[in-house]
Protein backbone atom coordinates (compact mmCIF):
# COMPACT_ATOMS: atom_id res chain seq x y z
CA MET A 1 33.09 47.06 25.40
CA LYS A 2 32.79 45.20 28.68
CA GLU A 3 32.25 41.46 28.67
CA VAL A 4 28.55 40.55 28.73
CA ALA A 5 29.21 38.26 31.70
CA ASP A 6 30.53 41.27 33.64
CA MET A 7 27.45 43.35 32.80
CA VAL A 8 24.55 40.94 33.31
CA HIS A 9 23.69 37.91 35.39
CA ILE A 10 22.22 34.80 33.74
CA GLY A 11 19.02 35.29 35.75
CA GLU A 12 18.64 38.76 34.28
CA LEU A 13 19.14 37.37 30.78
CA ILE A 14 16.51 34.70 31.35
CA ALA A 15 13.98 37.20 32.72
CA VAL A 16 14.54 39.77 29.99
CA SER A 17 14.69 37.19 27.20
CA LYS A 18 11.02 36.44 27.84
CA VAL A 19 10.14 40.12 27.33
CA PHE A 20 12.06 40.35 24.05
CA HIS A 21 11.01 36.83 22.91
CA LEU A 22 14.64 35.73 22.54
CA ASN A 23 16.56 32.93 24.20
CA PRO A 24 19.52 33.80 26.46
CA PHE A 25 22.04 32.96 23.70
CA GLN A 26 20.29 35.34 21.31
CA MET A 27 20.28 37.99 24.07
CA VAL A 28 24.05 37.66 24.60
CA THR A 29 24.67 37.79 20.85
CA SER A 30 22.46 40.88 20.49
CA ILE A 31 24.27 42.65 23.32
CA GLU A 32 27.68 41.72 21.89
CA ASN A 33 26.86 42.97 18.39
CA GLY A 34 25.27 46.18 19.70
CA SER A 35 21.69 45.56 18.62
CA MET A 36 20.69 45.62 22.31
CA GLU A 37 21.90 47.93 25.06
CA VAL A 38 22.25 47.39 28.79
CA PHE A 39 22.18 50.37 31.14
CA GLU A 40 23.42 49.83 34.69
CA THR A 41 21.13 52.54 36.09
CA LYS A 42 18.05 54.47 35.10
CA GLU A 43 20.16 57.64 35.18
CA ASP A 44 22.41 56.21 32.44
CA PHE A 45 19.32 55.44 30.35
CA ILE A 46 17.92 58.94 30.89
CA LYS A 47 21.24 60.53 29.88
CA LYS A 48 20.96 58.86 26.48
CA TYR A 49 17.19 58.87 25.83
CA GLY A 50 15.74 61.49 28.19
CA ILE A 51 12.44 61.31 30.06
CA LYS A 52 9.50 60.77 27.70
CA GLN A 53 6.05 59.22 27.64
CA THR A 54 7.06 57.02 24.68
CA TYR A 55 10.41 56.12 23.19
CA ASP A 56 9.83 55.99 19.44
CA GLU A 57 13.52 55.27 18.80
CA LEU A 58 13.25 51.96 20.68
CA ASP A 59 11.57 48.76 19.52
CA ASP A 60 11.20 47.73 23.15
CA TRP A 61 12.78 48.21 26.55
CA CYS A 62 12.62 46.58 29.96
CA GLU A 63 13.56 47.85 33.42
CA LEU A 64 14.44 45.29 36.07
CA ASN A 65 13.77 45.80 39.76
CA ASN A 66 17.53 46.18 40.36
CA GLY A 67 17.60 49.29 38.15
CA LYS A 68 19.17 47.79 35.03
CA ILE A 69 17.48 48.67 31.76
CA PHE A 70 17.69 46.60 28.59
CA THR A 71 16.80 48.31 25.32
CA LYS A 72 16.41 47.28 21.72
CA PRO A 73 16.83 50.31 19.43
CA LYS A 74 15.06 50.33 16.06
């Protein structure tokens, strides 16, 4: 697994942490232990989850304007 610091910027963590109601430390911990995923591009996300109206296998997900997608699988 890549280092979290190599995958995400602190500003991204802060923005996304508000969506998931976690603080940045909790976000990093969740990404490190695999309970959250970070996709560099929408294409990477679509490869794994496909294109759907709803994603029942995810608790929540968030797409940033730079194309990164953060997901929290159930």
